[in-house]
C-alpha atoms as a PDB file:
ATOM      1  CA  UNK A   1       1.190  82.366  10.300  1.00  0.00           C
ATOM      2  CA  UNK A   2       0.715  82.563  13.728  1.00  0.00           C
ATOM      3  CA  UNK A   3       2.763  80.584  16.346  1.00  0.00           C
ATOM      4  CA  UNK A   4      -0.317  78.364  17.300  1.00  0.00           C
ATOM      5  CA  UNK A   5      -0.756  77.551  13.291  1.00  0.00           C
ATOM      6  CA  UNK A   6       2.991  76.619  13.346  1.00  0.00           C
ATOM      7  CA  UNK A   7       2.703  74.456  16.070  1.00  0.00           C
ATOM      8  CA  UNK A   8      -0.305  72.938  14.953  1.00  0.00           C
ATOM      9  CA  UNK A   9       1.561  71.962  11.278  1.00  0.00           C
ATOM     10  CA  UNK A  10       4.376  70.346  13.685  1.00  0.00           C
ATOM     11  CA  UNK A  11       1.661  68.105  15.293  1.00  0.00           C
ATOM     12  CA  UNK A  12       0.207  66.809  12.191  1.00  0.00           C
ATOM     13  CA  UNK A  13       3.943  66.305  10.803  1.00  0.00           C
ATOM     14  CA  UNK A  14       4.240  64.287  14.327  1.00  0.00           C
ATOM     15  CA  UNK A  15       0.760  62.632  13.543  1.00  0.00           C
ATOM     16  CA  UNK A  16       2.189  61.273  10.203  1.00  0.00           C
ATOM     17  CA  UNK A  17       5.331  60.225  11.491  1.00  0.00           C
ATOM     18  CA  UNK A  18       4.003  58.287  14.441  1.00  0.00           C
ATOM     19  CA  UNK A  19       1.551  56.911  12.613  1.00  0.00           C
ATOM     20  CA  UNK A  20       4.296  55.156  10.282  1.00  0.00           C
ATOM     21  CA  UNK A  21       6.191  54.279  13.195  1.00  0.00           C
ATOM     22  CA  UNK A  22       3.172  52.674  15.016  1.00  0.00           C
ATOM     23  CA  UNK A  23       2.440  50.692  11.628  1.00  0.00           C
ATOM     24  CA  UNK A  24       6.047  49.288  11.588  1.00  0.00           C
ATOM     25  CA  UNK A  25       6.374  48.552  15.493  1.00  0.00           C
ATOM     26  CA  UNK A  26       2.661  46.752  14.753  1.00  0.00           C
ATOM     27  CA  UNK A  27       3.863  44.575  12.052  1.00  0.00           C
ATOM     28  CA  UNK A  28       6.884  43.535  13.613  1.00  0.00           C
ATOM     29  CA  UNK A  29       5.111  42.791  17.238  1.00  0.00           C
ATOM     30  CA  UNK A  30       2.764  40.426  15.075  1.00  0.00           C
ATOM     31  CA  UNK A  31       6.256  38.491  14.164  1.00  0.00           C
ATOM     32  CA  UNK A  32       8.683  38.590  17.004  1.00  0.00           C
ATOM     33  CA  UNK A  33       6.145  39.229  20.041  1.00  0.00           C
ATOM     34  CA  UNK A  34       8.877  41.105  21.760  1.00  0.00           C
ATOM     35  CA  UNK A  35       7.789  42.901  24.953  1.00  0.00           C
ATOM     36  CA  UNK A  36       9.883  45.807  23.797  1.00  0.00           C
ATOM     37  CA  UNK A  37       7.684  45.935  20.211  1.00  0.00           C
ATOM     38  CA  UNK A  38       4.626  46.217  22.256  1.00  0.00           C
ATOM     39  CA  UNK A  39       5.913  49.072  24.637  1.00  0.00           C
ATOM     40  CA  UNK A  40       7.220  50.779  21.643  1.00  0.00           C
ATOM     41  CA  UNK A  41       3.206  50.194  19.941  1.00  0.00           C
ATOM     42  CA  UNK A  42       1.897  51.478  23.287  1.00  0.00           C
ATOM     43  CA  UNK A  43       4.294  54.726  23.346  1.00  0.00           C
ATOM     44  CA  UNK A  44       3.336  55.334  19.801  1.00  0.00           C
ATOM     45  CA  UNK A  45      -0.325  55.014  19.972  1.00  0.00           C
ATOM     46  CA  UNK A  46      -0.224  57.311  23.303  1.00  0.00           C
ATOM     47  CA  UNK A  47       1.525  60.127  21.555  1.00  0.00           C
ATOM     48  CA  UNK A  48      -0.528  59.679  18.524  1.00  0.00           C
ATOM     49  CA  UNK A  49      -3.402  60.203  20.949  1.00  0.00           C
ATOM     50  CA  UNK A  50      -1.797  63.452  22.215  1.00  0.00           C
ATOM     51  CA  UNK A  51      -0.979  64.938  19.011  1.00  0.00           C
ATOM     52  CA  UNK A  52      -4.648  64.085  17.809  1.00  0.00           C
ATOM     53  CA  UNK A  53      -5.814  65.982  21.113  1.00  0.00           C
ATOM     54  CA  UNK A  54      -3.651  68.746  20.481  1.00  0.00           C
ATOM     55  CA  UNK A  55      -4.909  69.343  17.269  1.00  0.00           C
ATOM     56  CA  UNK A  56      -8.455  69.244  18.509  1.00  0.00           C
ATOM     57  CA  UNK A  57      -7.392  72.020  21.290  1.00  0.00           C
ATOM     58  CA  UNK A  58      -5.398  74.174  18.913  1.00  0.00           C
ATOM     59  CA  UNK A  59      -8.664  74.612  16.564  1.00  0.00           C
ATOM     60  CA  UNK A  60     -11.574  74.348  18.821  1.00  0.00           C
ATOM     61  CA  UNK A  61     -10.548  76.201  22.143  1.00  0.00           C
ATOM     62  CA  UNK A  62      -7.746  78.621  20.275  1.00  0.00           C
ATOM     63  CA  UNK A  63      -8.563  81.192  23.401  1.00  0.00           C
ATOM     64  CA  UNK A  64      -6.520  78.465  25.697  1.00  0.00           C
ATOM     65  CA  UNK A  65      -3.525  79.764  24.425  1.00  0.00           C
ATOM     66  CA  UNK A  66      -4.100  82.748  22.378  1.00  0.00           C
ATOM     67  CA  UNK A  67      -4.042  85.060  25.000  1.00  0.00           C
ATOM     68  CA  UNK A  68      -0.688  84.639  26.068  1.00  0.00           C
ATOM     69  CA  UNK A  69       2.243  84.782  23.640  1.00  0.00           C
ATOM     70  CA  UNK A  70       4.520  83.473  26.121  1.00  0.00           C
ATOM     71  CA  UNK A  71       2.478  80.182  26.289  1.00  0.00           C
ATOM     72  CA  UNK A  72       2.174  80.259  22.319  1.00  0.00           C
ATOM     73  CA  UNK A  73       5.995  79.988  22.138  1.00  0.00           C
ATOM     74  CA  UNK A  74       6.357  77.465  24.844  1.00  0.00           C
ATOM     75  CA  UNK A  75       4.049  75.125  22.756  1.00  0.00           C
ATOM     76  CA  UNK A  76       5.663  75.521  19.676  1.00  0.00           C
ATOM     77  CA  UNK A  77       9.234  74.950  21.545  1.00  0.00           C
ATOM     78  CA  UNK A  78       7.490  71.622  22.850  1.00  0.00           C
ATOM     79  CA  UNK A  79       6.129  70.715  19.580  1.00  0.00           C
ATOM     80  CA  UNK A  80       9.365  71.365  18.095  1.00  0.00           C
ATOM     81  CA  UNK A  81      11.483  69.314  20.634  1.00  0.00           C
ATOM     82  CA  UNK A  82       8.753  65.974  19.921  1.00  0.00           C
ATOM     83  CA  UNK A  83       9.256  66.380  16.441  1.00  0.00           C
ATOM     84  CA  UNK A  84      13.339  66.441  16.524  1.00  0.00           C
ATOM     85  CA  UNK A  85      12.612  63.320  18.953  1.00  0.00           C
ATOM     86  CA  UNK A  86      10.020  61.208  16.781  1.00  0.00           C
ATOM     87  CA  UNK A  87      12.099  62.309  13.650  1.00  0.00           C
ATOM     88  CA  UNK A  88      15.124  60.519  15.425  1.00  0.00           C
ATOM     89  CA  UNK A  89      13.134  57.463  15.756  1.00  0.00           C
ATOM     90  CA  UNK A  90      11.509  57.336  12.774  1.00  0.00           C
ATOM     91  CA  UNK A  91      15.224  57.638  11.294  1.00  0.00           C
ATOM     92  CA  UNK A  92      16.581  54.943  13.326  1.00  0.00           C
ATOM     93  CA  UNK A  93      13.177  52.777  13.305  1.00  0.00           C
ATOM     94  CA  UNK A  94      13.200  52.842   9.111  1.00  0.00           C
ATOM     95  CA  UNK A  95      17.025  52.534   8.628  1.00  0.00           C
END
């Protein structure tokens, strides 16, 4: 499995977790009407869109990343860090 394929897999997991989080935050916002929850809904929506666009670029424009292994590793590390942050946020939210 290549570095970019692994990064794509992490982005898919991020999309699933962000979908779950955003659904919970929307439900809570409808109940409580808190500006904090509205901010979380906006955050989740933007991060979800960013990961969907990343997947699109991974598969439609591979040449942007395929030429430089350093860039591939950086993308993988950034996706991994994002996964850790989103997983922690999911754990805290679902608790």
